[in-house]
Protein backbone atom coordinates (compact mmCIF):
# COMPACT_ATOMS: atom_id res chain seq x y z
CA MET A 1 43.85 23.34 14.65
CA TRP A 2 40.72 21.16 15.07
CA PRO A 3 42.37 17.99 13.74
CA THR A 4 45.09 18.48 16.35
CA VAL A 5 42.50 18.91 19.11
CA GLY A 6 40.66 15.78 17.94
CA ALA A 7 43.89 13.79 17.82
CA VAL A 8 44.97 14.97 21.27
CA VAL A 9 41.58 14.07 22.78
CA ASP A 10 41.72 10.64 21.10
CA LEU A 11 45.26 10.10 22.39
CA ALA A 12 44.27 11.15 25.92
CA HIS A 13 41.23 8.86 25.72
CA ALA A 14 43.33 5.87 24.63
CA THR A 15 45.96 6.60 27.28
CA LEU A 16 43.41 6.85 30.10
CA MET A 17 41.71 3.63 28.99
CA ALA A 18 45.04 1.84 28.82
CA LEU A 19 46.12 3.11 32.24
CA TRP A 20 42.85 1.94 33.73
CA VAL A 21 43.04 -1.57 32.28
CA VAL A 22 46.81 -2.09 32.63
CA GLY A 23 46.79 -0.77 36.20
CA LEU A 24 44.15 -3.21 37.47
CA PRO A 25 46.73 -5.68 38.87
CA LEU A 26 47.98 -2.93 41.19
CA LEU A 27 44.78 -3.32 43.17
CA PHE A 28 45.61 -6.94 43.97
CA VAL A 29 49.36 -6.67 44.61
CA ARG A 30 50.76 -5.69 48.00
CA ARG A 31 54.21 -4.73 46.76
CA TRP A 32 53.53 -1.01 46.11
CA PRO A 33 50.80 0.18 48.50
CA ARG A 34 51.17 3.89 47.67
CA ILE A 35 50.96 3.32 43.92
CA SER A 36 48.00 1.00 44.48
CA GLN A 37 46.19 3.70 46.46
CA VAL A 38 46.86 6.34 43.81
CA TYR A 39 45.69 3.96 41.11
CA ALA A 40 42.55 3.12 43.11
CA LEU A 41 41.65 6.81 43.29
CA PHE A 42 42.33 7.22 39.56
CA ALA A 43 40.17 4.17 38.75
CA ILE A 44 37.29 5.44 40.88
CA ALA A 45 37.45 8.88 39.24
CA TYR A 46 37.71 7.32 35.77
CA ILE A 47 34.65 5.15 36.36
CA LEU A 48 32.60 7.97 37.91
CA VAL A 49 33.31 10.35 35.02
CA ASN A 50 32.59 7.59 32.53
CA GLN A 51 29.30 6.55 34.12
CA VAL A 52 28.05 10.12 34.56
CA SER A 53 28.89 10.97 30.95
CA TYR A 54 27.11 7.81 29.70
CA TYR A 55 24.08 8.76 31.78
CA LEU A 56 24.03 12.37 30.54
CA LEU A 57 25.32 11.97 26.97
CA GLY A 58 24.87 8.31 26.11
CA GLU A 59 28.61 8.03 25.50
CA CYS A 60 31.94 8.95 27.03
CA ILE A 61 32.56 12.70 27.33
CA LEU A 62 35.90 12.27 25.55
CA THR A 63 34.16 10.64 22.58
CA THR A 64 31.80 13.63 22.44
CA LEU A 65 34.66 16.15 22.63
CA SER A 66 36.70 14.29 20.02
CA ARG A 67 33.78 14.08 17.60
CA ALA A 68 33.08 17.79 18.01
CA ALA A 69 36.70 18.60 17.15
CA TRP A 70 36.74 16.25 14.13
CA GLU A 71 33.41 17.67 12.91
CA ARG A 72 34.81 21.20 13.14
CA ALA A 73 37.86 20.06 11.20
CA ALA A 74 35.66 18.50 8.52
CA ILE A 75 33.59 21.68 8.21
CA ALA A 76 36.75 23.78 7.90
CA ILE A 77 38.02 21.76 4.93
CA GLY A 78 34.62 20.96 3.43
CA ALA A 79 34.88 17.21 4.01
CA HIS A 80 32.22 14.75 5.12
CA SER A 81 31.42 14.57 8.82
CA PRO A 82 33.38 11.91 10.69
CA THR A 83 31.80 8.73 11.96
CA ARG A 84 29.51 8.91 14.98
CA GLU A 85 30.91 5.59 16.21
CA TRP A 86 32.15 5.15 19.77
CA PHE A 87 35.85 5.68 20.32
CA THR A 88 36.26 2.12 21.59
CA VAL A 89 34.91 0.72 18.32
CA ARG A 90 37.16 3.00 16.27
CA LEU A 91 40.18 2.05 18.39
CA ALA A 92 39.49 -1.69 18.05
CA GLN A 93 39.12 -1.26 14.29
CA ALA A 94 42.40 0.63 14.06
CA VAL A 95 44.43 -1.67 16.32
CA PHE A 96 42.91 -5.11 15.80
CA GLY A 97 40.87 -4.77 12.60
CA LEU A 98 37.77 -5.78 14.58
CA SER A 99 34.42 -4.05 15.04
CA PRO A 100 33.02 -4.96 18.46
CA SER A 101 29.34 -4.34 19.11
CA HIS A 102 28.24 -1.67 21.53
CA ARG A 103 26.74 -4.44 23.67
CA SER A 104 30.04 -6.33 23.90
CA ILE A 105 31.86 -3.10 24.80
CA LYS A 106 29.27 -2.36 27.48
CA LEU A 107 29.57 -5.87 28.95
CA MET A 108 33.38 -5.71 28.95
CA SER A 109 33.26 -2.28 30.55
CA GLU A 110 30.91 -3.54 33.26
CA ALA A 111 33.18 -6.53 33.94
CA LEU A 112 36.20 -4.23 34.25
CA ILE A 113 34.23 -1.91 36.55
CA PHE A 114 33.34 -4.90 38.74
CA ILE A 115 36.98 -6.04 38.86
CA THR A 116 38.02 -2.48 39.71
CA ALA A 117 35.46 -2.28 42.52
CA VAL A 118 36.56 -5.60 44.03
CA GLY A 119 40.23 -4.71 43.69
CA THR A 120 39.72 -1.26 45.19
CA ALA A 121 37.87 -2.74 48.15
CA ILE A 122 40.70 -5.23 48.72
CA SER A 123 43.35 -2.53 48.32
CA LEU A 124 41.63 -0.16 50.75
CA ARG A 125 41.09 -2.95 53.26
CA ARG A 126 44.79 -3.83 53.13
CA ALA A 127 45.73 -0.17 53.55
CA ARG A 128 43.53 0.09 56.66
CA SER A 129 44.97 -3.13 58.09
CA THR A 130 48.50 -1.88 57.52
CA ALA A 131 47.70 1.48 59.10
CA ARG A 132 46.21 -0.20 62.19
CA ALA A 133 49.24 -2.48 62.57
CA GLN A 134 51.61 0.48 62.67
């Protein structure tokens, strides 16, 4: 059961990260205002949860939950404990064969947060302008 929980948490983590990054252009495009607004709310929630969990735990809450599940699985079968590495590092190793540093991940994350903030501000401003015009 625990390997399944760990895999599901890892899959959810990867999916949420991908949605956040892939959805960024929605904040700058006027074609789908409703989708842009929904994405903006998702991005804000994603960033808030991420930043609070880094402040409280020193890592993403999903990384913590995944590790706990994989550790339980290892205990159940008598194997070694899994790596304590961040999910982002493990994902980059699995997909690209690269091991980014925690610093580079942090800098990239901060850049994406900045882009999200700017895009959200633009998207919300457009939504207000459109609402006033109607």
